[in-house]
C-alpha cells in the first residue's frame, strides 16, 4: 500500500495494542526517515459495572485518548493507524466484553480525530501473530513468554522508552506502530 511521496511530508504511524491494559506506540517520520517515537499506556478510568453484581470495570477514556493523540496527528500530512484485533472467545466472556468495549472506544477516537482533521486515515487491523512474527523471537509460545520477549526486545530497540516499557511490561504498541510503518510506507 505505498503512497506517493511528497517533499517534506510528515507522517505519523500509530500502533494500538487493543485493550484496557494495552499501549499506544507512535512513530513520526519526515521524508521517510524516522524522526521520533512515543509510547504510553492506554488511557483508562474505572467506573461501576452496569450489571447487577456490584463491581468496577476499567474503560478507555476516548476523549482523553483523542486529546493525547491529537498532538501527534494535528501537524502531520498523513496518518496511518494499525490496531490489534481484539480477542473474542465466547468461553472467555468477561475478557472478550472488555476487549470489544476497548475496541469501540478506540474506533470512536479514530473517528473523532478524522473529523477534527478533516481527513480519512489509513487504517488496518492486525492479528498479534502477524506483527509478532516480524519482531519477536521465533518459537516463543504462550502469552507470558511473548510479553517477556516483547519487553526485552522493545527495551533494546527503543532504549529511550525502557522505563515506560518496564512499567507496561511489554512494547507491543511500539512494535505495532513499527509494523504499521512497514505496511503503509
Foldseek 3Di string as FASTA:
>chain_A
DEDDDDQQAKEKFWFWAFFQLTKIKIWIDTPLHTDDIDIAGFAWDKDFDPDPDTDIDIAGPLVVVLVVCCVVVVPGDAYEYEYEDFDADPVPVPSNVRRVRRVVSVVVSQVVSCVVNVHHHHYDYDHPVVLCVVQFDPPDDDDLRSLQRQLVSVCVVCVVCNVNSVVSSGDNNNSRSVVRSVVHD
